[in-house]
PDB file of N, CA and C in Angstrom:
ATOM      1  N   MET A   1     105.513  92.895  55.031  1.00  0.00           N
ATOM      2  CA  MET A   1     104.946  94.268  55.145  1.00  0.00           C
ATOM      3  C   MET A   1     104.953  94.810  56.565  1.00  0.00           C
ATOM      4  N   GLN A   2     105.156  96.003  56.654  1.00  0.00           N
ATOM      5  CA  GLN A   2     105.217  96.689  57.973  1.00  0.00           C
ATOM      6  C   GLN A   2     103.698  96.786  58.499  1.00  0.00           C
ATOM      7  N   ILE A   3     103.553  96.800  59.773  1.00  0.00           N
ATOM      8  CA  ILE A   3     102.236  96.995  60.306  1.00  0.00           C
ATOM      9  C   ILE A   3     101.573  98.266  59.875  1.00  0.00           C
ATOM     10  N   ALA A   4     102.388  99.339  59.897  1.00  0.00           N
ATOM     11  CA  ALA A   4     101.912 100.637  59.560  1.00  0.00           C
ATOM     12  C   ALA A   4     101.400 100.659  58.043  1.00  0.00           C
ATOM     13  N   GLU A   5     102.072  99.914  57.208  1.00  0.00           N
ATOM     14  CA  GLU A   5     101.612  99.838  55.782  1.00  0.00           C
ATOM     15  C   GLU A   5     100.299  99.134  55.678  1.00  0.00           C
ATOM     16  N   VAL A   6     100.222  98.090  56.478  1.00  0.00           N
ATOM     17  CA  VAL A   6      98.900  97.315  56.509  1.00  0.00           C
ATOM     18  C   VAL A   6      97.779  98.307  56.960  1.00  0.00           C
ATOM     19  N   PHE A   7      98.078  98.982  58.101  1.00  0.00           N
ATOM     20  CA  PHE A   7      97.028  99.878  58.713  1.00  0.00           C
ATOM     21  C   PHE A   7      96.642 100.922  57.696  1.00  0.00           C
ATOM     22  N   ASN A   8      97.705 101.519  57.061  1.00  0.00           N
ATOM     23  CA  ASN A   8      97.420 102.632  56.108  1.00  0.00           C
ATOM     24  C   ASN A   8      96.727 102.168  54.779  1.00  0.00           C
ATOM     25  N   ASN A   9      96.917 100.999  54.442  1.00  0.00           N
ATOM     26  CA  ASN A   9      96.213 100.387  53.274  1.00  0.00           C
ATOM     27  C   ASN A   9      94.868  99.802  53.500  1.00  0.00           C
ATOM     28  N   ALA A  10      94.575  99.723  54.780  1.00  0.00           N
ATOM     29  CA  ALA A  10      93.231  99.079  55.163  1.00  0.00           C
ATOM     30  C   ALA A  10      92.153 100.089  54.878  1.00  0.00           C
ATOM     31  N   SER A  11      90.936  99.521  54.827  1.00  0.00           N
ATOM     32  CA  SER A  11      89.746 100.316  54.485  1.00  0.00           C
ATOM     33  C   SER A  11      89.459 101.198  55.771  1.00  0.00           C
ATOM     34  N   ALA A  12      88.596 102.211  55.661  1.00  0.00           N
ATOM     35  CA  ALA A  12      88.210 103.088  56.872  1.00  0.00           C
ATOM     36  C   ALA A  12      87.486 102.127  57.803  1.00  0.00           C
ATOM     37  N   LYS A  13      86.706 101.254  57.440  1.00  0.00           N
ATOM     38  CA  LYS A  13      86.007 100.370  58.420  1.00  0.00           C
ATOM     39  C   LYS A  13      86.997  99.454  59.223  1.00  0.00           C
ATOM     40  N   THR A  14      87.976  98.954  58.481  1.00  0.00           N
ATOM     41  CA  THR A  14      88.986  98.117  59.187  1.00  0.00           C
ATOM     42  C   THR A  14      89.778  98.966  60.187  1.00  0.00           C
ATOM     43  N   ARG A  15      90.196 100.125  59.680  1.00  0.00           N
ATOM     44  CA  ARG A  15      90.913 101.086  60.642  1.00  0.00           C
ATOM     45  C   ARG A  15      90.063 101.316  61.784  1.00  0.00           C
ATOM     46  N   ALA A  16      88.829 101.633  61.584  1.00  0.00           N
ATOM     47  CA  ALA A  16      87.951 101.856  62.856  1.00  0.00           C
ATOM     48  C   ALA A  16      87.899 100.705  63.754  1.00  0.00           C
ATOM     49  N   ASP A  17      87.687  99.541  63.105  1.00  0.00           N
ATOM     50  CA  ASP A  17      87.744  98.311  63.930  1.00  0.00           C
ATOM     51  C   ASP A  17      88.992  98.111  64.722  1.00  0.00           C
ATOM     52  N   LEU A  18      90.184  98.311  64.032  1.00  0.00           N
ATOM     53  CA  LEU A  18      91.395  98.250  64.752  1.00  0.00           C
ATOM     54  C   LEU A  18      91.555  99.209  65.914  1.00  0.00           C
ATOM     55  N   HIS A  19      91.082 100.476  65.664  1.00  0.00           N
ATOM     56  CA  HIS A  19      91.153 101.543  66.764  1.00  0.00           C
ATOM     57  C   HIS A  19      90.205 101.034  67.889  1.00  0.00           C
ATOM     58  N   GLU A  20      89.081 100.495  67.606  1.00  0.00           N
ATOM     59  CA  GLU A  20      88.237 100.065  68.672  1.00  0.00           C
ATOM     60  C   GLU A  20      88.791  98.852  69.382  1.00  0.00           C
ATOM     61  N   VAL A  21      89.456  97.953  68.725  1.00  0.00           N
ATOM     62  CA  VAL A  21      90.145  96.824  69.464  1.00  0.00           C
ATOM     63  C   VAL A  21      91.229  97.392  70.301  1.00  0.00           C
ATOM     64  N   ASN A  22      91.968  98.368  69.834  1.00  0.00           N
ATOM     65  CA  ASN A  22      93.096  99.010  70.558  1.00  0.00           C
ATOM     66  C   ASN A  22      92.470  99.717  71.850  1.00  0.00           C
ATOM     67  N   ASN A  23      91.433 100.338  71.694  1.00  0.00           N
ATOM     68  CA  ASN A  23      90.845 101.102  72.840  1.00  0.00           C
ATOM     69  C   ASN A  23      90.364 100.001  73.904  1.00  0.00           C
ATOM     70  N   VAL A  24      89.830  98.959  73.378  1.00  0.00           N
ATOM     71  CA  VAL A  24      89.343  97.923  74.374  1.00  0.00           C
ATOM     72  C   VAL A  24      90.468  97.325  75.095  1.00  0.00           C
ATOM     73  N   LEU A  25      91.593  97.003  74.405  1.00  0.00           N
ATOM     74  CA  LEU A  25      92.693  96.321  74.979  1.00  0.00           C
ATOM     75  C   LEU A  25      93.365  97.299  75.960  1.00  0.00           C
ATOM     76  N   THR A  26      93.498  98.565  75.579  1.00  0.00           N
ATOM     77  CA  THR A  26      94.161  99.557  76.437  1.00  0.00           C
ATOM     78  C   THR A  26      93.357  99.788  77.736  1.00  0.00           C
ATOM     79  N   SER A  27      92.021  99.930  77.534  1.00  0.00           N
ATOM     80  CA  SER A  27      91.199 100.101  78.817  1.00  0.00           C
ATOM     81  C   SER A  27      91.201  98.928  79.657  1.00  0.00           C
ATOM     82  N   ARG A  28      91.238  97.687  79.006  1.00  0.00           N
ATOM     83  CA  ARG A  28      91.352  96.436  79.880  1.00  0.00           C
ATOM     84  C   ARG A  28      92.652  96.387  80.590  1.00  0.00           C
ATOM     85  N   SER A  29      93.810  96.714  79.886  1.00  0.00           N
ATOM     86  CA  SER A  29      95.097  96.651  80.639  1.00  0.00           C
ATOM     87  C   SER A  29      95.124  97.720  81.736  1.00  0.00           C
ATOM     88  N   ASP A  30      94.426  98.844  81.480  1.00  0.00           N
ATOM     89  CA  ASP A  30      94.501  99.923  82.588  1.00  0.00           C
ATOM     90  C   ASP A  30      93.686  99.398  83.702  1.00  0.00           C
ATOM     91  N   ALA A  31      92.552  98.751  83.403  1.00  0.00           N
ATOM     92  CA  ALA A  31      91.690  98.188  84.602  1.00  0.00           C
ATOM     93  C   ALA A  31      92.561  97.089  85.259  1.00  0.00           C
ATOM     94  N   GLN A  32      93.224  96.234  84.569  1.00  0.00           N
ATOM     95  CA  GLN A  32      93.934  95.205  85.144  1.00  0.00           C
ATOM     96  C   GLN A  32      95.098  95.805  86.043  1.00  0.00           C
ATOM     97  N   TYR A  33      95.677  96.897  85.605  1.00  0.00           N
ATOM     98  CA  TYR A  33      96.790  97.540  86.290  1.00  0.00           C
ATOM     99  C   TYR A  33      96.244  98.104  87.605  1.00  0.00           C
ATOM    100  N   ARG A  34      95.087  98.791  87.500  1.00  0.00           N
ATOM    101  CA  ARG A  34      94.499  99.244  88.773  1.00  0.00           C
ATOM    102  C   ARG A  34      94.075  98.224  89.683  1.00  0.00           C
ATOM    103  N   LEU A  35      93.572  97.131  89.096  1.00  0.00           N
ATOM    104  CA  LEU A  35      93.139  96.064  89.988  1.00  0.00           C
ATOM    105  C   LEU A  35      94.429  95.476  90.654  1.00  0.00           C
ATOM    106  N   ARG A  36      95.499  95.288  89.933  1.00  0.00           N
ATOM    107  CA  ARG A  36      96.685  94.728  90.421  1.00  0.00           C
ATOM    108  C   ARG A  36      97.292  95.567  91.581  1.00  0.00           C
ATOM    109  N   GLU A  37      97.208  96.958  91.327  1.00  0.00           N
ATOM    110  CA  GLU A  37      97.735  97.880  92.325  1.00  0.00           C
ATOM    111  C   GLU A  37      96.887  97.887  93.588  1.00  0.00           C
ATOM    112  N   GLY A  38      95.588  97.788  93.438  1.00  0.00           N
ATOM    113  CA  GLY A  38      94.747  97.749  94.590  1.00  0.00           C
ATOM    114  C   GLY A  38      95.007  96.400  95.358  1.00  0.00           C
ATOM    115  N   LEU A  39      95.118  95.251  94.669  1.00  0.00           N
ATOM    116  CA  LEU A  39      95.466  94.053  95.320  1.00  0.00           C
ATOM    117  C   LEU A  39      96.722  94.166  96.020  1.00  0.00           C
ATOM    118  N   LEU A  40      97.766  94.669  95.418  1.00  0.00           N
ATOM    119  CA  LEU A  40      99.097  94.662  96.072  1.00  0.00           C
ATOM    120  C   LEU A  40      99.038  95.572  97.369  1.00  0.00           C
ATOM    121  N   GLU A  41      98.291  96.774  97.263  1.00  0.00           N
ATOM    122  CA  GLU A  41      98.077  97.599  98.460  1.00  0.00           C
ATOM    123  C   GLU A  41      97.381  96.940  99.484  1.00  0.00           C
ATOM    124  N   HIS A  42      96.259  96.130  99.220  1.00  0.00           N
ATOM    125  CA  HIS A  42      95.555  95.319 100.212  1.00  0.00           C
ATOM    126  C   HIS A  42      96.547  94.327 100.801  1.00  0.00           C
ATOM    127  N   MET A  43      97.355  93.711 100.095  1.00  0.00           N
ATOM    128  CA  MET A  43      98.245  92.647 100.625  1.00  0.00           C
ATOM    129  C   MET A  43      99.292  93.366 101.434  1.00  0.00           C
ATOM    130  N   ARG A  44      99.769  94.598 101.075  1.00  0.00           N
ATOM    131  CA  ARG A  44     100.695  95.269 101.984  1.00  0.00           C
ATOM    132  C   ARG A  44     100.126  95.630 103.274  1.00  0.00           C
ATOM    133  N   ARG A  45      98.842  96.062 103.204  1.00  0.00           N
ATOM    134  CA  ARG A  45      98.123  96.379 104.519  1.00  0.00           C
ATOM    135  C   ARG A  45      97.845  95.100 105.396  1.00  0.00           C
ATOM    136  N   PHE A  46      97.506  94.008 104.708  1.00  0.00           N
ATOM    137  CA  PHE A  46      97.320  92.726 105.395  1.00  0.00           C
ATOM    138  C   PHE A  46      98.654  92.259 106.075  1.00  0.00           C
ATOM    139  N   ARG A  47      99.786  92.380 105.313  1.00  0.00           N
ATOM    140  CA  ARG A  47     101.038  91.902 105.831  1.00  0.00           C
ATOM    141  C   ARG A  47     101.466  92.816 107.037  1.00  0.00           C
ATOM    142  N   ASP A  48     101.199  94.096 106.928  1.00  0.00           N
ATOM    143  CA  ASP A  48     101.495  95.051 108.045  1.00  0.00           C
ATOM    144  C   ASP A  48     100.698  94.720 109.317  1.00  0.00           C
ATOM    145  N   ARG A  49      99.405  94.390 109.095  1.00  0.00           N
ATOM    146  CA  ARG A  49      98.526  93.977 110.166  1.00  0.00           C
ATOM    147  C   ARG A  49      98.981  92.764 110.874  1.00  0.00           C
ATOM    148  N   ILE A  50      99.390  91.716 110.036  1.00  0.00           N
ATOM    149  CA  ILE A  50      99.897  90.477 110.496  1.00  0.00           C
ATOM    150  C   ILE A  50     101.087  90.654 111.346  1.00  0.00           C
ATOM    151  N   ALA A  51     102.110  91.556 110.857  1.00  0.00           N
ATOM    152  CA  ALA A  51     103.275  91.828 111.638  1.00  0.00           C
ATOM    153  C   ALA A  51     102.971  92.501 112.877  1.00  0.00           C
ATOM    154  N   GLU A  52     101.990  93.509 112.893  1.00  0.00           N
ATOM    155  CA  GLU A  52     101.592  94.183 114.095  1.00  0.00           C
ATOM    156  C   GLU A  52     100.942  93.094 115.031  1.00  0.00           C
ATOM    157  N   HIS A  53     100.167  92.186 114.598  1.00  0.00           N
ATOM    158  CA  HIS A  53      99.494  91.264 115.437  1.00  0.00           C
ATOM    159  C   HIS A  53     100.677  90.375 116.131  1.00  0.00           C
ATOM    160  N   PHE A  54     101.622  89.888 115.359  1.00  0.00           N
ATOM    161  CA  PHE A  54     102.723  89.134 115.936  1.00  0.00           C
ATOM    162  C   PHE A  54     103.524  89.886 116.847  1.00  0.00           C
ATOM    163  N   GLY A  55     103.682  91.156 116.602  1.00  0.00           N
ATOM    164  CA  GLY A  55     104.419  92.071 117.610  1.00  0.00           C
ATOM    165  C   GLY A  55     103.634  92.106 118.935  1.00  0.00           C
ATOM    166  N   ARG A  56     102.288  92.168 118.790  1.00  0.00           N
ATOM    167  CA  ARG A  56     101.495  92.283 120.008  1.00  0.00           C
ATOM    168  C   ARG A  56     101.581  90.927 120.714  1.00  0.00           C
ATOM    169  N   MET A  57     101.484  89.860 119.944  1.00  0.00           N
ATOM    170  CA  MET A  57     101.569  88.524 120.622  1.00  0.00           C
ATOM    171  C   MET A  57     103.050  88.274 121.345  1.00  0.00           C
ATOM    172  N   ASN A  58     104.032  88.779 120.668  1.00  0.00           N
ATOM    173  CA  ASN A  58     105.329  88.600 121.312  1.00  0.00           C
ATOM    174  C   ASN A  58     105.409  89.332 122.593  1.00  0.00           C
ATOM    175  N   HIS A  59     104.671  90.543 122.691  1.00  0.00           N
ATOM    176  CA  HIS A  59     104.639  91.356 123.841  1.00  0.00           C
ATOM    177  C   HIS A  59     103.851  90.564 124.922  1.00  0.00           C
ATOM    178  N   PHE A  60     102.719  89.998 124.532  1.00  0.00           N
ATOM    179  CA  PHE A  60     101.903  89.211 125.452  1.00  0.00           C
ATOM    180  C   PHE A  60     102.700  87.977 125.981  1.00  0.00           C
ATOM    181  N   MET A  61     103.454  87.313 125.006  1.00  0.00           N
ATOM    182  CA  MET A  61     104.153  86.003 125.548  1.00  0.00           C
ATOM    183  C   MET A  61     105.284  86.562 126.422  1.00  0.00           C
ATOM    184  N   GLY A  62     105.858  87.673 126.061  1.00  0.00           N
ATOM    185  CA  GLY A  62     106.915  88.198 127.001  1.00  0.00           C
ATOM    186  C   GLY A  62     106.483  88.391 128.320  1.00  0.00           C
ATOM    187  N   ASN A  63     105.179  88.895 128.543  1.00  0.00           N
ATOM    188  CA  ASN A  63     104.693  89.180 129.813  1.00  0.00           C
ATOM    189  C   ASN A  63     104.247  87.830 130.561  1.00  0.00           C
ATOM    190  N   LEU A  64     104.000  86.758 129.751  1.00  0.00           N
ATOM    191  CA  LEU A  64     103.712  85.512 130.470  1.00  0.00           C
ATOM    192  C   LEU A  64     105.045  84.703 130.719  1.00  0.00           C
ATOM    193  N   PHE A  65     105.977  84.705 129.845  1.00  0.00           N
ATOM    194  CA  PHE A  65     107.192  83.794 130.006  1.00  0.00           C
ATOM    195  C   PHE A  65     108.470  84.503 130.103  1.00  0.00           C
ATOM    196  N   GLY A  66     108.474  85.818 130.061  1.00  0.00           N
ATOM    197  CA  GLY A  66     109.752  86.421 130.017  1.00  0.00           C
ATOM    198  C   GLY A  66     110.330  86.481 128.656  1.00  0.00           C
ATOM    199  N   LYS A  67     111.358  87.249 128.417  1.00  0.00           N
ATOM    200  CA  LYS A  67     112.012  87.407 127.153  1.00  0.00           C
ATOM    201  C   LYS A  67     113.479  87.579 127.209  1.00  0.00           C
ATOM    202  N   ASN A  68     114.135  87.577 126.132  1.00  0.00           N
ATOM    203  CA  ASN A  68     115.639  87.781 126.086  1.00  0.00           C
ATOM    204  C   ASN A  68     115.988  89.204 126.111  1.00  0.00           C
ATOM    205  N   CYS A  69     117.005  89.468 127.004  1.00  0.00           N
ATOM    206  CA  CYS A  69     117.442  90.912 127.093  1.00  0.00           C
ATOM    207  C   CYS A  69     118.081  91.240 125.734  1.00  0.00           C
ATOM    208  N   GLU A  70     117.721  92.443 125.327  1.00  0.00           N
ATOM    209  CA  GLU A  70     118.257  92.886 123.966  1.00  0.00           C
ATOM    210  C   GLU A  70     119.732  93.208 124.065  1.00  0.00           C
ATOM    211  N   GLN A  71     120.339  93.541 125.160  1.00  0.00           N
ATOM    212  CA  GLN A  71     121.684  93.770 125.271  1.00  0.00           C
ATOM    213  C   GLN A  71     122.570  92.493 125.303  1.00  0.00           C
ATOM    214  N   CYS A  72     122.168  91.541 126.042  1.00  0.00           N
ATOM    215  CA  CYS A  72     122.911  90.270 126.286  1.00  0.00           C
ATOM    216  C   CYS A  72     122.361  88.992 125.793  1.00  0.00           C
ATOM    217  N   GLN A  73     121.045  89.055 125.307  1.00  0.00           N
ATOM    218  CA  GLN A  73     120.271  87.873 124.991  1.00  0.00           C
ATOM    219  C   GLN A  73     120.017  86.917 125.994  1.00  0.00           C
ATOM    220  N   HIS A  74     120.229  87.284 127.299  1.00  0.00           N
ATOM    221  CA  HIS A  74     119.946  86.329 128.351  1.00  0.00           C
ATOM    222  C   HIS A  74     118.472  86.507 128.768  1.00  0.00           C
ATOM    223  N   HIS A  75     117.897  85.509 129.359  1.00  0.00           N
ATOM    224  CA  HIS A  75     116.497  85.448 129.632  1.00  0.00           C
ATOM    225  C   HIS A  75     116.090  86.405 130.786  1.00  0.00           C
ATOM    226  N   THR A  76     115.021  87.134 130.592  1.00  0.00           N
ATOM    227  CA  THR A  76     114.490  87.950 131.667  1.00  0.00           C
ATOM    228  C   THR A  76     113.067  87.505 131.882  1.00  0.00           C
ATOM    229  N   SER A  77     112.594  87.817 133.058  1.00  0.00           N
ATOM    230  CA  SER A  77     111.186  87.551 133.330  1.00  0.00           C
ATOM    231  C   SER A  77     110.715  88.641 134.174  1.00  0.00           C
ATOM    232  N   ASN A  78     109.383  88.887 134.310  1.00  0.00           N
ATOM    233  CA  ASN A  78     108.847  90.098 134.906  1.00  0.00           C
ATOM    234  C   ASN A  78     109.372  90.142 136.426  1.00  0.00           C
ATOM    235  N   HIS A  79     109.397  89.130 137.118  1.00  0.00           N
ATOM    236  CA  HIS A  79     109.764  89.246 138.576  1.00  0.00           C
ATOM    237  C   HIS A  79     111.244  89.362 138.753  1.00  0.00           C
ATOM    238  N   ASN A  80     112.034  89.232 137.632  1.00  0.00           N
ATOM    239  CA  ASN A  80     113.429  89.448 137.668  1.00  0.00           C
ATOM    240  C   ASN A  80     113.912  90.715 137.080  1.00  0.00           C
ATOM    241  N   VAL A  81     113.002  91.508 136.565  1.00  0.00           N
ATOM    242  CA  VAL A  81     113.432  92.833 135.973  1.00  0.00           C
ATOM    243  C   VAL A  81     113.345  93.872 137.034  1.00  0.00           C
ATOM    244  N   ASP A  82     114.335  94.637 137.157  1.00  0.00           N
ATOM    245  CA  ASP A  82     114.422  95.750 138.119  1.00  0.00           C
ATOM    246  C   ASP A  82     114.771  97.046 137.360  1.00  0.00           C
ATOM    247  N   GLY A  83     113.828  97.796 136.875  1.00  0.00           N
ATOM    248  CA  GLY A  83     114.077  98.957 136.060  1.00  0.00           C
ATOM    249  C   GLY A  83     114.698  98.378 134.802  1.00  0.00           C
ATOM    250  N   ASP A  84     115.846  99.014 134.298  1.00  0.00           N
ATOM    251  CA  ASP A  84     116.448  98.632 133.061  1.00  0.00           C
ATOM    252  C   ASP A  84     117.371  97.422 133.277  1.00  0.00           C
ATOM    253  N   GLU A  85     117.524  96.984 134.527  1.00  0.00           N
ATOM    254  CA  GLU A  85     118.495  95.959 134.786  1.00  0.00           C
ATOM    255  C   GLU A  85     117.809  94.619 134.603  1.00  0.00           C
ATOM    256  N   CYS A  86     118.360  93.656 133.867  1.00  0.00           N
ATOM    257  CA  CYS A  86     117.822  92.368 133.775  1.00  0.00           C
ATOM    258  C   CYS A  86     118.485  91.365 134.737  1.00  0.00           C
ATOM    259  N   HIS A  87     118.015  90.179 134.873  1.00  0.00           N
ATOM    260  CA  HIS A  87     118.539  89.447 136.035  1.00  0.00           C
ATOM    261  C   HIS A  87     119.838  88.810 135.640  1.00  0.00           C
ATOM    262  N   HIS A  88     120.362  88.926 134.372  1.00  0.00           N
ATOM    263  CA  HIS A  88     121.770  88.461 134.085  1.00  0.00           C
ATOM    264  C   HIS A  88     122.793  89.196 134.932  1.00  0.00           C
ATOM    265  N   CYS A  89     122.439  90.395 135.421  1.00  0.00           N
ATOM    266  CA  CYS A  89     123.253  91.222 136.172  1.00  0.00           C
ATOM    267  C   CYS A  89     123.347  90.605 137.639  1.00  0.00           C
ATOM    268  N   LYS A  90     122.387  89.722 137.993  1.00  0.00           N
ATOM    269  CA  LYS A  90     122.262  89.356 139.361  1.00  0.00           C
ATOM    270  C   LYS A  90     122.686  87.813 139.379  1.00  0.00           C
ATOM    271  N   TYR A  91     122.469  87.080 138.246  1.00  0.00           N
ATOM    272  CA  TYR A  91     122.808  85.651 138.292  1.00  0.00           C
ATOM    273  C   TYR A  91     123.805  85.284 137.311  1.00  0.00           C
ATOM    274  N   ASP A  92     124.721  84.334 137.510  1.00  0.00           N
ATOM    275  CA  ASP A  92     125.695  83.997 136.553  1.00  0.00           C
ATOM    276  C   ASP A  92     125.202  83.472 135.223  1.00  0.00           C
ATOM    277  N   ASP A  93     124.357  82.485 135.272  1.00  0.00           N
ATOM    278  CA  ASP A  93     124.032  81.794 133.995  1.00  0.00           C
ATOM    279  C   ASP A  93     122.539  81.457 133.989  1.00  0.00           C
ATOM    280  N   PRO A  94     121.753  82.531 133.667  1.00  0.00           N
ATOM    281  CA  PRO A  94     120.319  82.303 133.597  1.00  0.00           C
ATOM    282  C   PRO A  94     119.892  81.516 132.349  1.00  0.00           C
ATOM    283  N   PRO A  95     118.792  80.850 132.427  1.00  0.00           N
ATOM    284  CA  PRO A  95     118.284  80.052 131.227  1.00  0.00           C
ATOM    285  C   PRO A  95     117.895  81.084 130.101  1.00  0.00           C
ATOM    286  N   SER A  96     118.126  80.577 128.935  1.00  0.00           N
ATOM    287  CA  SER A  96     117.617  81.452 127.790  1.00  0.00           C
ATOM    288  C   SER A  96     116.157  81.123 127.511  1.00  0.00           C
ATOM    289  N   ALA A  97     115.571  82.162 126.885  1.00  0.00           N
ATOM    290  CA  ALA A  97     114.092  82.034 126.550  1.00  0.00           C
ATOM    291  C   ALA A  97     113.994  80.974 125.371  1.00  0.00           C
ATOM    292  N   ARG A  98     112.913  80.243 125.439  1.00  0.00           N
ATOM    293  CA  ARG A  98     112.668  79.326 124.447  1.00  0.00           C
ATOM    294  C   ARG A  98     112.435  80.050 123.100  1.00  0.00           C
ATOM    295  N   SER A  99     113.070  79.670 122.006  1.00  0.00           N
ATOM    296  CA  SER A  99     112.962  80.363 120.717  1.00  0.00           C
ATOM    297  C   SER A  99     111.531  80.163 120.067  1.00  0.00           C
ATOM    298  N   ASP A 100     110.897  79.150 120.484  1.00  0.00           N
ATOM    299  CA  ASP A 100     109.576  78.929 119.748  1.00  0.00           C
ATOM    300  C   ASP A 100     108.491  79.784 120.399  1.00  0.00           C
ATOM    301  N   TYR A 101     108.833  80.555 121.402  1.00  0.00           N
ATOM    302  CA  TYR A 101     107.901  81.514 121.973  1.00  0.00           C
ATOM    303  C   TYR A 101     107.723  82.690 120.942  1.00  0.00           C
ATOM    304  N   TRP A 102     108.733  82.992 120.143  1.00  0.00           N
ATOM    305  CA  TRP A 102     108.878  84.274 119.449  1.00  0.00           C
ATOM    306  C   TRP A 102     108.724  84.165 118.047  1.00  0.00           C
ATOM    307  N   ILE A 103     107.948  84.994 117.384  1.00  0.00           N
ATOM    308  CA  ILE A 103     107.906  85.163 115.926  1.00  0.00           C
ATOM    309  C   ILE A 103     108.297  86.546 115.623  1.00  0.00           C
ATOM    310  N   ASP A 104     109.301  86.514 114.711  1.00  0.00           N
ATOM    311  CA  ASP A 104     109.843  87.916 114.308  1.00  0.00           C
ATOM    312  C   ASP A 104     108.882  88.596 113.279  1.00  0.00           C
ATOM    313  N   PRO A 105     108.242  89.600 113.647  1.00  0.00           N
ATOM    314  CA  PRO A 105     107.212  90.151 112.650  1.00  0.00           C
ATOM    315  C   PRO A 105     107.865  90.549 111.394  1.00  0.00           C
ATOM    316  N   HIS A 106     109.235  90.891 111.312  1.00  0.00           N
ATOM    317  CA  HIS A 106     109.844  91.325 110.073  1.00  0.00           C
ATOM    318  C   HIS A 106     110.086  90.064 109.222  1.00  0.00           C
ATOM    319  N   ARG A 107     109.893  88.863 109.698  1.00  0.00           N
ATOM    320  CA  ARG A 107     110.118  87.752 108.834  1.00  0.00           C
ATOM    321  C   ARG A 107     108.823  86.974 108.425  1.00  0.00           C
ATOM    322  N   VAL A 108     107.758  87.725 108.590  1.00  0.00           N
ATOM    323  CA  VAL A 108     106.492  87.205 108.154  1.00  0.00           C
ATOM    324  C   VAL A 108     106.189  87.548 106.688  1.00  0.00           C
ATOM    325  N   TYR A 109     106.284  86.651 105.801  1.00  0.00           N
ATOM    326  CA  TYR A 109     106.164  86.914 104.378  1.00  0.00           C
ATOM    327  C   TYR A 109     104.987  86.280 103.759  1.00  0.00           C
ATOM    328  N   TYR A 110     104.240  87.044 103.022  1.00  0.00           N
ATOM    329  CA  TYR A 110     103.104  86.518 102.258  1.00  0.00           C
ATOM    330  C   TYR A 110     103.292  86.971 100.778  1.00  0.00           C
ATOM    331  N   TRP A 111     102.894  86.208  99.847  1.00  0.00           N
ATOM    332  CA  TRP A 111     103.011  86.416  98.428  1.00  0.00           C
ATOM    333  C   TRP A 111     102.367  87.823  98.114  1.00  0.00           C
ATOM    334  N   PRO A 112     103.005  88.731  97.416  1.00  0.00           N
ATOM    335  CA  PRO A 112     104.193  88.570  96.694  1.00  0.00           C
ATOM    336  C   PRO A 112     105.410  88.902  97.401  1.00  0.00           C
TER     337      PRO A 112
END
């Protein structure tokens, strides 16, 4: 038998009960959807703040230890930077920055 036939052949009280159950389930799923969307938005904001924090920490570590030049990936440090010129322009083979100083904020992932 089709569900519609069962519903149409049911008594008025049974149909009212089914409508009530449907309303409860629908409102519950709406609330769950809103809760899930709120949780995802909170997690997006959290992830953005973590990425911003790591960006600030990278800047701080760069001030302490120097960083890699974006053009050539050679190591620069504050006392060797002259304007836009990094010290690879002055020295043949400068040491590279240690990779464990840096956390790429775009590679910070949290569920989901």
